[in-house]
Amino acid sequence: SYPDMVLLAGGTPVTVEATLENNFKL
């Protein structure tokens, strides 16, 4: 729901991939 709530509120979601190699951590 995070990106879609941002879109509903008029903002722009900027997603950054936290990969398996980094244990899914940014």
mmCIF file of all heavy atoms, coordinates in Angstrom:
data_MODEL
# 
_entry.id   MODEL 
# 
loop_
_atom_site.group_PDB 
_atom_site.id 
_atom_site.type_symbol 
_atom_site.label_atom_id 
_atom_site.label_alt_id 
_atom_site.label_comp_id 
_atom_site.label_asym_id 
_atom_site.label_entity_id 
_atom_site.label_seq_id 
_atom_site.pdbx_PDB_ins_code 
_atom_site.Cartn_x 
_atom_site.Cartn_y 
_atom_site.Cartn_z 
_atom_site.occupancy 
_atom_site.B_iso_or_equiv 
_atom_site.pdbx_formal_charge 
_atom_site.auth_seq_id 
_atom_site.auth_comp_id 
_atom_site.auth_asym_id 
_atom_site.auth_atom_id 
_atom_site.pdbx_PDB_model_num 
ATOM 1   N N   . SER A 1 1  ? 0.793  -1.230  0.000  1.00 0.00 ? 1  SER A N   1 
ATOM 2   C CA  . SER A 1 1  ? 0.000  0.000   0.000  1.00 0.00 ? 1  SER A CA  1 
ATOM 3   C C   . SER A 1 1  ? 0.827  1.283   0.000  1.00 0.00 ? 1  SER A C   1 
ATOM 4   O O   . SER A 1 1  ? 0.296  2.350   -0.323 1.00 0.00 ? 1  SER A O   1 
ATOM 5   C CB  . SER A 1 1  ? -0.945 0.015   1.212  1.00 0.00 ? 1  SER A CB  1 
ATOM 6   O OG  . SER A 1 1  ? -1.923 -0.986  1.094  1.00 0.00 ? 1  SER A OG  1 
ATOM 7   N N   . TYR A 1 2  ? 2.097  1.208   0.368  1.00 0.00 ? 2  TYR A N   1 
ATOM 8   C CA  . TYR A 1 2  ? 2.887  2.444   0.461  1.00 0.00 ? 2  TYR A CA  1 
ATOM 9   C C   . TYR A 1 2  ? 2.863  3.264   -0.836 1.00 0.00 ? 2  TYR A C   1 
ATOM 10  O O   . TYR A 1 2  ? 2.485  4.446   -0.818 1.00 0.00 ? 2  TYR A O   1 
ATOM 11  C CB  . TYR A 1 2  ? 4.345  2.142   0.828  1.00 0.00 ? 2  TYR A CB  1 
ATOM 12  C CG  . TYR A 1 2  ? 4.605  1.616   2.213  1.00 0.00 ? 2  TYR A CG  1 
ATOM 13  C CD1 . TYR A 1 2  ? 5.668  0.750   2.447  1.00 0.00 ? 2  TYR A CD1 1 
ATOM 14  C CD2 . TYR A 1 2  ? 3.823  1.983   3.313  1.00 0.00 ? 2  TYR A CD2 1 
ATOM 15  C CE1 . TYR A 1 2  ? 5.949  0.254   3.711  1.00 0.00 ? 2  TYR A CE1 1 
ATOM 16  C CE2 . TYR A 1 2  ? 4.090  1.490   4.581  1.00 0.00 ? 2  TYR A CE2 1 
ATOM 17  C CZ  . TYR A 1 2  ? 5.160  0.622   4.777  1.00 0.00 ? 2  TYR A CZ  1 
ATOM 18  O OH  . TYR A 1 2  ? 5.437  0.129   6.020  1.00 0.00 ? 2  TYR A OH  1 
ATOM 19  N N   . PRO A 1 3  ? 3.297  2.712   -1.973 1.00 0.00 ? 3  PRO A N   1 
ATOM 20  C CA  . PRO A 1 3  ? 3.356  3.550   -3.185 1.00 0.00 ? 3  PRO A CA  1 
ATOM 21  C C   . PRO A 1 3  ? 1.992  4.071   -3.613 1.00 0.00 ? 3  PRO A C   1 
ATOM 22  O O   . PRO A 1 3  ? 1.870  5.232   -4.044 1.00 0.00 ? 3  PRO A O   1 
ATOM 23  C CB  . PRO A 1 3  ? 3.945  2.605   -4.242 1.00 0.00 ? 3  PRO A CB  1 
ATOM 24  C CG  . PRO A 1 3  ? 4.621  1.520   -3.486 1.00 0.00 ? 3  PRO A CG  1 
ATOM 25  C CD  . PRO A 1 3  ? 3.817  1.354   -2.231 1.00 0.00 ? 3  PRO A CD  1 
ATOM 26  N N   . ASP A 1 4  ? 0.955  3.236   -3.485 1.00 0.00 ? 4  ASP A N   1 
ATOM 27  C CA  . ASP A 1 4  ? -0.357 3.674   -3.942 1.00 0.00 ? 4  ASP A CA  1 
ATOM 28  C C   . ASP A 1 4  ? -0.951 4.743   -3.045 1.00 0.00 ? 4  ASP A C   1 
ATOM 29  O O   . ASP A 1 4  ? -1.651 5.645   -3.517 1.00 0.00 ? 4  ASP A O   1 
ATOM 30  C CB  . ASP A 1 4  ? -1.291 2.465   -4.044 1.00 0.00 ? 4  ASP A CB  1 
ATOM 31  C CG  . ASP A 1 4  ? -0.925 1.562   -5.208 1.00 0.00 ? 4  ASP A CG  1 
ATOM 32  O OD1 . ASP A 1 4  ? -1.064 2.007   -6.357 1.00 0.00 ? 4  ASP A OD1 1 
ATOM 33  O OD2 . ASP A 1 4  ? -0.460 0.437   -4.977 1.00 0.00 ? 4  ASP A OD2 1 
ATOM 34  N N   . MET A 1 5  ? -0.671 4.686   -1.763 1.00 0.00 ? 5  MET A N   1 
ATOM 35  C CA  . MET A 1 5  ? -1.130 5.760   -0.875 1.00 0.00 ? 5  MET A CA  1 
ATOM 36  C C   . MET A 1 5  ? -0.433 7.076   -1.207 1.00 0.00 ? 5  MET A C   1 
ATOM 37  O O   . MET A 1 5  ? -1.043 8.147   -1.160 1.00 0.00 ? 5  MET A O   1 
ATOM 38  C CB  . MET A 1 5  ? -0.914 5.385   0.586  1.00 0.00 ? 5  MET A CB  1 
ATOM 39  C CG  . MET A 1 5  ? -1.898 4.344   1.095  1.00 0.00 ? 5  MET A CG  1 
ATOM 40  S SD  . MET A 1 5  ? -1.919 4.198   2.906  1.00 0.00 ? 5  MET A SD  1 
ATOM 41  C CE  . MET A 1 5  ? -0.345 3.422   3.192  1.00 0.00 ? 5  MET A CE  1 
ATOM 42  N N   . VAL A 1 6  ? 0.843  7.001   -1.543 1.00 0.00 ? 6  VAL A N   1 
ATOM 43  C CA  . VAL A 1 6  ? 1.574  8.202   -1.957 1.00 0.00 ? 6  VAL A CA  1 
ATOM 44  C C   . VAL A 1 6  ? 0.938  8.786   -3.215 1.00 0.00 ? 6  VAL A C   1 
ATOM 45  O O   . VAL A 1 6  ? 0.722  10.004  -3.321 1.00 0.00 ? 6  VAL A O   1 
ATOM 46  C CB  . VAL A 1 6  ? 3.066  7.889   -2.193 1.00 0.00 ? 6  VAL A CB  1 
ATOM 47  C CG1 . VAL A 1 6  ? 3.770  9.071   -2.854 1.00 0.00 ? 6  VAL A CG1 1 
ATOM 48  C CG2 . VAL A 1 6  ? 3.753  7.531   -0.880 1.00 0.00 ? 6  VAL A CG2 1 
ATOM 49  N N   . LEU A 1 7  ? 0.610  7.928   -4.180 1.00 0.00 ? 7  LEU A N   1 
ATOM 50  C CA  . LEU A 1 7  ? -0.020 8.391   -5.416 1.00 0.00 ? 7  LEU A CA  1 
ATOM 51  C C   . LEU A 1 7  ? -1.393 8.996   -5.149 1.00 0.00 ? 7  LEU A C   1 
ATOM 52  O O   . LEU A 1 7  ? -1.740 10.047  -5.706 1.00 0.00 ? 7  LEU A O   1 
ATOM 53  C CB  . LEU A 1 7  ? -0.145 7.222   -6.393 1.00 0.00 ? 7  LEU A CB  1 
ATOM 54  C CG  . LEU A 1 7  ? 1.166  6.710   -6.999 1.00 0.00 ? 7  LEU A CG  1 
ATOM 55  C CD1 . LEU A 1 7  ? 0.949  5.378   -7.708 1.00 0.00 ? 7  LEU A CD1 1 
ATOM 56  C CD2 . LEU A 1 7  ? 1.759  7.734   -7.961 1.00 0.00 ? 7  LEU A CD2 1 
ATOM 57  N N   . LEU A 1 8  ? -2.182 8.361   -4.300 1.00 0.00 ? 8  LEU A N   1 
ATOM 58  C CA  . LEU A 1 8  ? -3.496 8.903   -3.968 1.00 0.00 ? 8  LEU A CA  1 
ATOM 59  C C   . LEU A 1 8  ? -3.389 10.277  -3.320 1.00 0.00 ? 8  LEU A C   1 
ATOM 60  O O   . LEU A 1 8  ? -4.264 11.130  -3.496 1.00 0.00 ? 8  LEU A O   1 
ATOM 61  C CB  . LEU A 1 8  ? -4.239 7.949   -3.031 1.00 0.00 ? 8  LEU A CB  1 
ATOM 62  C CG  . LEU A 1 8  ? -4.941 6.758   -3.671 1.00 0.00 ? 8  LEU A CG  1 
ATOM 63  C CD1 . LEU A 1 8  ? -5.430 5.786   -2.605 1.00 0.00 ? 8  LEU A CD1 1 
ATOM 64  C CD2 . LEU A 1 8  ? -6.105 7.219   -4.550 1.00 0.00 ? 8  LEU A CD2 1 
ATOM 65  N N   . ALA A 1 9  ? -2.319 10.490  -2.562 1.00 0.00 ? 9  ALA A N   1 
ATOM 66  C CA  . ALA A 1 9  ? -2.125 11.766  -1.876 1.00 0.00 ? 9  ALA A CA  1 
ATOM 67  C C   . ALA A 1 9  ? -1.476 12.815  -2.776 1.00 0.00 ? 9  ALA A C   1 
ATOM 68  O O   . ALA A 1 9  ? -1.228 13.937  -2.330 1.00 0.00 ? 9  ALA A O   1 
ATOM 69  C CB  . ALA A 1 9  ? -1.280 11.559  -0.624 1.00 0.00 ? 9  ALA A CB  1 
ATOM 70  N N   . GLY A 1 10 ? -1.175 12.450  -4.034 1.00 0.00 ? 10 GLY A N   1 
ATOM 71  C CA  . GLY A 1 10 ? -0.636 13.415  -4.980 1.00 0.00 ? 10 GLY A CA  1 
ATOM 72  C C   . GLY A 1 10 ? 0.873  13.459  -5.058 1.00 0.00 ? 10 GLY A C   1 
ATOM 73  O O   . GLY A 1 10 ? 1.432  14.287  -5.776 1.00 0.00 ? 10 GLY A O   1 
ATOM 74  N N   . GLY A 1 11 ? 1.543  12.584  -4.331 1.00 0.00 ? 11 GLY A N   1 
ATOM 75  C CA  . GLY A 1 11 ? 3.001  12.563  -4.344 1.00 0.00 ? 11 GLY A CA  1 
ATOM 76  C C   . GLY A 1 11 ? 3.564  11.580  -5.348 1.00 0.00 ? 11 GLY A C   1 
ATOM 77  O O   . GLY A 1 11 ? 2.829  10.921  -6.093 1.00 0.00 ? 11 GLY A O   1 
ATOM 78  N N   . THR A 1 12 ? 4.891  11.473  -5.346 1.00 0.00 ? 12 THR A N   1 
ATOM 79  C CA  . THR A 1 12 ? 5.603  10.578  -6.261 1.00 0.00 ? 12 THR A CA  1 
ATOM 80  C C   . THR A 1 12 ? 6.418  9.574   -5.455 1.00 0.00 ? 12 THR A C   1 
ATOM 81  O O   . THR A 1 12 ? 7.351  9.966   -4.742 1.00 0.00 ? 12 THR A O   1 
ATOM 82  C CB  . THR A 1 12 ? 6.548  11.372  -7.184 1.00 0.00 ? 12 THR A CB  1 
ATOM 83  O OG1 . THR A 1 12 ? 5.785  12.327  -7.927 1.00 0.00 ? 12 THR A OG1 1 
ATOM 84  C CG2 . THR A 1 12 ? 7.287  10.443  -8.137 1.00 0.00 ? 12 THR A CG2 1 
ATOM 85  N N   . PRO A 1 13 ? 6.085  8.271   -5.544 1.00 0.00 ? 13 PRO A N   1 
ATOM 86  C CA  . PRO A 1 13 ? 6.893  7.279   -4.840 1.00 0.00 ? 13 PRO A CA  1 
ATOM 87  C C   . PRO A 1 13 ? 8.221  7.053   -5.550 1.00 0.00 ? 13 PRO A C   1 
ATOM 88  O O   . PRO A 1 13 ? 8.265  6.928   -6.776 1.00 0.00 ? 13 PRO A O   1 
ATOM 89  C CB  . PRO A 1 13 ? 6.025  6.017   -4.875 1.00 0.00 ? 13 PRO A CB  1 
ATOM 90  C CG  . PRO A 1 13 ? 5.111  6.202   -6.039 1.00 0.00 ? 13 PRO A CG  1 
ATOM 91  C CD  . PRO A 1 13 ? 4.920  7.677   -6.213 1.00 0.00 ? 13 PRO A CD  1 
ATOM 92  N N   . VAL A 1 14 ? 9.302  7.023   -4.787 1.00 0.00 ? 14 VAL A N   1 
ATOM 93  C CA  . VAL A 1 14 ? 10.641 6.735   -5.326 1.00 0.00 ? 14 VAL A CA  1 
ATOM 94  C C   . VAL A 1 14 ? 11.102 5.448   -4.646 1.00 0.00 ? 14 VAL A C   1 
ATOM 95  O O   . VAL A 1 14 ? 11.474 5.449   -3.471 1.00 0.00 ? 14 VAL A O   1 
ATOM 96  C CB  . VAL A 1 14 ? 11.618 7.886   -5.031 1.00 0.00 ? 14 VAL A CB  1 
ATOM 97  C CG1 . VAL A 1 14 ? 13.022 7.538   -5.518 1.00 0.00 ? 14 VAL A CG1 1 
ATOM 98  C CG2 . VAL A 1 14 ? 11.130 9.181   -5.676 1.00 0.00 ? 14 VAL A CG2 1 
ATOM 99  N N   . THR A 1 15 ? 11.038 4.341   -5.377 1.00 0.00 ? 15 THR A N   1 
ATOM 100 C CA  . THR A 1 15 ? 11.381 3.056   -4.777 1.00 0.00 ? 15 THR A CA  1 
ATOM 101 C C   . THR A 1 15 ? 12.854 2.728   -5.022 1.00 0.00 ? 15 THR A C   1 
ATOM 102 O O   . THR A 1 15 ? 13.397 3.010   -6.087 1.00 0.00 ? 15 THR A O   1 
ATOM 103 C CB  . THR A 1 15 ? 10.503 1.931   -5.329 1.00 0.00 ? 15 THR A CB  1 
ATOM 104 O OG1 . THR A 1 15 ? 10.652 1.854   -6.755 1.00 0.00 ? 15 THR A OG1 1 
ATOM 105 C CG2 . THR A 1 15 ? 9.041  2.185   -4.998 1.00 0.00 ? 15 THR A CG2 1 
ATOM 106 N N   . VAL A 1 16 ? 13.458 2.131   -4.004 1.00 0.00 ? 16 VAL A N   1 
ATOM 107 C CA  . VAL A 1 16 ? 14.872 1.764   -4.049 1.00 0.00 ? 16 VAL A CA  1 
ATOM 108 C C   . VAL A 1 16 ? 14.982 0.292   -3.663 1.00 0.00 ? 16 VAL A C   1 
ATOM 109 O O   . VAL A 1 16 ? 14.529 -0.098  -2.583 1.00 0.00 ? 16 VAL A O   1 
ATOM 110 C CB  . VAL A 1 16 ? 15.712 2.622   -3.083 1.00 0.00 ? 16 VAL A CB  1 
ATOM 111 C CG1 . VAL A 1 16 ? 17.198 2.314   -3.263 1.00 0.00 ? 16 VAL A CG1 1 
ATOM 112 C CG2 . VAL A 1 16 ? 15.432 4.109   -3.295 1.00 0.00 ? 16 VAL A CG2 1 
ATOM 113 N N   . GLU A 1 17 ? 15.573 -0.521  -4.532 1.00 0.00 ? 17 GLU A N   1 
ATOM 114 C CA  . GLU A 1 17 ? 15.610 -1.961  -4.305 1.00 0.00 ? 17 GLU A CA  1 
ATOM 115 C C   . GLU A 1 17 ? 16.630 -2.355  -3.241 1.00 0.00 ? 17 GLU A C   1 
ATOM 116 O O   . GLU A 1 17 ? 17.822 -2.053  -3.367 1.00 0.00 ? 17 GLU A O   1 
ATOM 117 C CB  . GLU A 1 17 ? 15.911 -2.703  -5.602 1.00 0.00 ? 17 GLU A CB  1 
ATOM 118 C CG  . GLU A 1 17 ? 14.762 -2.686  -6.600 1.00 0.00 ? 17 GLU A CG  1 
ATOM 119 C CD  . GLU A 1 17 ? 14.983 -3.641  -7.762 1.00 0.00 ? 17 GLU A CD  1 
ATOM 120 O OE1 . GLU A 1 17 ? 16.070 -4.273  -7.818 1.00 0.00 ? 17 GLU A OE1 1 
ATOM 121 O OE2 . GLU A 1 17 ? 14.082 -3.756  -8.614 1.00 0.00 ? 17 GLU A OE2 1 
ATOM 122 N N   . ALA A 1 18 ? 16.132 -3.015  -2.201 1.00 0.00 ? 18 ALA A N   1 
ATOM 123 C CA  . ALA A 1 18 ? 16.990 -3.627  -1.186 1.00 0.00 ? 18 ALA A CA  1 
ATOM 124 C C   . ALA A 1 18 ? 17.041 -5.119  -1.506 1.00 0.00 ? 18 ALA A C   1 
ATOM 125 O O   . ALA A 1 18 ? 16.075 -5.845  -1.262 1.00 0.00 ? 18 ALA A O   1 
ATOM 126 C CB  . ALA A 1 18 ? 16.416 -3.385  0.209  1.00 0.00 ? 18 ALA A CB  1 
ATOM 127 N N   . THR A 1 19 ? 18.124 -5.577  -2.058 1.00 0.00 ? 19 THR A N   1 
ATOM 128 C CA  . THR A 1 19 ? 18.184 -6.892  -2.676 1.00 0.00 ? 19 THR A CA  1 
ATOM 129 C C   . THR A 1 19 ? 18.464 -8.009  -1.676 1.00 0.00 ? 19 THR A C   1 
ATOM 130 O O   . THR A 1 19 ? 18.869 -7.776  -0.528 1.00 0.00 ? 19 THR A O   1 
ATOM 131 C CB  . THR A 1 19 ? 19.269 -6.919  -3.761 1.00 0.00 ? 19 THR A CB  1 
ATOM 132 O OG1 . THR A 1 19 ? 20.538 -6.658  -3.149 1.00 0.00 ? 19 THR A OG1 1 
ATOM 133 C CG2 . THR A 1 19 ? 18.994 -5.865  -4.827 1.00 0.00 ? 19 THR A CG2 1 
ATOM 134 N N   . LEU A 1 20 ? 18.272 -9.233  -2.163 1.00 0.00 ? 20 LEU A N   1 
ATOM 135 C CA  . LEU A 1 20 ? 18.569 -10.421 -1.362 1.00 0.00 ? 20 LEU A CA  1 
ATOM 136 C C   . LEU A 1 20 ? 20.019 -10.421 -0.898 1.00 0.00 ? 20 LEU A C   1 
ATOM 137 O O   . LEU A 1 20 ? 20.323 -10.824 0.234  1.00 0.00 ? 20 LEU A O   1 
ATOM 138 C CB  . LEU A 1 20 ? 18.271 -11.677 -2.192 1.00 0.00 ? 20 LEU A CB  1 
ATOM 139 C CG  . LEU A 1 20 ? 18.645 -13.027 -1.588 1.00 0.00 ? 20 LEU A CG  1 
ATOM 140 C CD1 . LEU A 1 20 ? 17.855 -13.285 -0.318 1.00 0.00 ? 20 LEU A CD1 1 
ATOM 141 C CD2 . LEU A 1 20 ? 18.404 -14.149 -2.602 1.00 0.00 ? 20 LEU A CD2 1 
ATOM 142 N N   . GLU A 1 21 ? 20.922 -9.949  -1.757 1.00 0.00 ? 21 GLU A N   1 
ATOM 143 C CA  . GLU A 1 21 ? 22.342 -9.920  -1.411 1.00 0.00 ? 21 GLU A CA  1 
ATOM 144 C C   . GLU A 1 21 ? 22.624 -9.049  -0.190 1.00 0.00 ? 21 GLU A C   1 
ATOM 145 O O   . GLU A 1 21 ? 23.585 -9.275  0.543  1.00 0.00 ? 21 GLU A O   1 
ATOM 146 C CB  . GLU A 1 21 ? 23.160 -9.429  -2.612 1.00 0.00 ? 21 GLU A CB  1 
ATOM 147 C CG  . GLU A 1 21 ? 23.210 -10.398 -3.784 1.00 0.00 ? 21 GLU A CG  1 
ATOM 148 C CD  . GLU A 1 21 ? 21.891 -10.511 -4.532 1.00 0.00 ? 21 GLU A CD  1 
ATOM 149 O OE1 . GLU A 1 21 ? 21.099 -9.535  -4.499 1.00 0.00 ? 21 GLU A OE1 1 
ATOM 150 O OE2 . GLU A 1 21 ? 21.631 -11.576 -5.134 1.00 0.00 ? 21 GLU A OE2 1 
ATOM 151 N N   . ASN A 1 22 ? 21.771 -8.039  0.025  1.00 0.00 ? 22 ASN A N   1 
ATOM 152 C CA  . ASN A 1 22 ? 21.902 -7.171  1.204  1.00 0.00 ? 22 ASN A CA  1 
ATOM 153 C C   . ASN A 1 22 ? 20.881 -7.527  2.279  1.00 0.00 ? 22 ASN A C   1 
ATOM 154 O O   . ASN A 1 22 ? 20.533 -6.685  3.119  1.00 0.00 ? 22 ASN A O   1 
ATOM 155 C CB  . ASN A 1 22 ? 21.738 -5.703  0.804  1.00 0.00 ? 22 ASN A CB  1 
ATOM 156 C CG  . ASN A 1 22 ? 22.941 -5.177  0.045  1.00 0.00 ? 22 ASN A CG  1 
ATOM 157 O OD1 . ASN A 1 22 ? 24.067 -5.610  0.283  1.00 0.00 ? 22 ASN A OD1 1 
ATOM 158 N ND2 . ASN A 1 22 ? 22.704 -4.260  -0.874 1.00 0.00 ? 22 ASN A ND2 1 
ATOM 159 N N   . ASN A 1 23 ? 20.378 -8.765  2.222  1.00 0.00 ? 23 ASN A N   1 
ATOM 160 C CA  . ASN A 1 23 ? 19.386 -9.237  3.205  1.00 0.00 ? 23 ASN A CA  1 
ATOM 161 C C   . ASN A 1 23 ? 18.135 -8.366  3.215  1.00 0.00 ? 23 ASN A C   1 
ATOM 162 O O   . ASN A 1 23 ? 17.500 -8.181  4.255  1.00 0.00 ? 23 ASN A O   1 
ATOM 163 C CB  . ASN A 1 23 ? 20.003 -9.307  4.608  1.00 0.00 ? 23 ASN A CB  1 
ATOM 164 C CG  . ASN A 1 23 ? 21.143 -10.299 4.688  1.00 0.00 ? 23 ASN A CG  1 
ATOM 165 O OD1 . ASN A 1 23 ? 21.040 -11.418 4.181  1.00 0.00 ? 23 ASN A OD1 1 
ATOM 166 N ND2 . ASN A 1 23 ? 22.245 -9.900  5.299  1.00 0.00 ? 23 ASN A ND2 1 
ATOM 167 N N   . PHE A 1 24 ? 17.793 -7.851  2.038  1.00 0.00 ? 24 PHE A N   1 
ATOM 168 C CA  . PHE A 1 24 ? 16.599 -7.025  1.852  1.00 0.00 ? 24 PHE A CA  1 
ATOM 169 C C   . PHE A 1 24 ? 16.628 -5.751  2.693  1.00 0.00 ? 24 PHE A C   1 
ATOM 170 O O   . PHE A 1 24 ? 15.579 -5.219  3.080  1.00 0.00 ? 24 PHE A O   1 
ATOM 171 C CB  . PHE A 1 24 ? 15.324 -7.817  2.166  1.00 0.00 ? 24 PHE A CB  1 
ATOM 172 C CG  . PHE A 1 24 ? 15.129 -9.040  1.320  1.00 0.00 ? 24 PHE A CG  1 
ATOM 173 C CD1 . PHE A 1 24 ? 14.989 -10.290 1.908  1.00 0.00 ? 24 PHE A CD1 1 
ATOM 174 C CD2 . PHE A 1 24 ? 15.072 -8.952  -0.061 1.00 0.00 ? 24 PHE A CD2 1 
ATOM 175 C CE1 . PHE A 1 24 ? 14.797 -11.431 1.149  1.00 0.00 ? 24 PHE A CE1 1 
ATOM 176 C CE2 . PHE A 1 24 ? 14.883 -10.085 -0.846 1.00 0.00 ? 24 PHE A CE2 1 
ATOM 177 C CZ  . PHE A 1 24 ? 14.748 -11.324 -0.235 1.00 0.00 ? 24 PHE A CZ  1 
ATOM 178 N N   . LYS A 1 25 ? 17.824 -5.236  2.941  1.00 0.00 ? 25 LYS A N   1 
ATOM 179 C CA  . LYS A 1 25 ? 17.967 -4.008  3.724  1.00 0.00 ? 25 LYS A CA  1 
ATOM 180 C C   . LYS A 1 25 ? 18.589 -2.906  2.878  1.00 0.00 ? 25 LYS A C   1 
ATOM 181 O O   . LYS A 1 25 ? 19.548 -3.141  2.139  1.00 0.00 ? 25 LYS A O   1 
ATOM 182 C CB  . LYS A 1 25 ? 18.811 -4.259  4.973  1.00 0.00 ? 25 LYS A CB  1 
ATOM 183 C CG  . LYS A 1 25 ? 18.228 -5.293  5.927  1.00 0.00 ? 25 LYS A CG  1 
ATOM 184 C CD  . LYS A 1 25 ? 19.151 -5.564  7.102  1.00 0.00 ? 25 LYS A CD  1 
ATOM 185 C CE  . LYS A 1 25 ? 18.671 -6.735  7.923  1.00 0.00 ? 25 LYS A CE  1 
ATOM 186 N NZ  . LYS A 1 25 ? 19.563 -7.031  9.069  1.00 0.00 ? 25 LYS A NZ  1 
ATOM 187 N N   . LEU A 1 26 ? 18.055 -1.712  3.013  1.00 0.00 ? 26 LEU A N   1 
ATOM 188 C CA  . LEU A 1 26 ? 18.558 -0.542  2.307  1.00 0.00 ? 26 LEU A CA  1 
ATOM 189 C C   . LEU A 1 26 ? 19.913 -0.140  2.880  1.00 0.00 ? 26 LEU A C   1 
ATOM 190 O O   . LEU A 1 26 ? 20.110 -0.136  4.094  1.00 0.00 ? 26 LEU A O   1 
ATOM 191 C CB  . LEU A 1 26 ? 17.574 0.607   2.467  1.00 0.00 ? 26 LEU A CB  1 
ATOM 192 C CG  . LEU A 1 26 ? 17.756 1.841   1.574  1.00 0.00 ? 26 LEU A CG  1 
ATOM 193 C CD1 . LEU A 1 26 ? 17.401 1.498   0.141  1.00 0.00 ? 26 LEU A CD1 1 
ATOM 194 C CD2 . LEU A 1 26 ? 16.864 2.975   2.087  1.00 0.00 ? 26 LEU A CD2 1 
# 
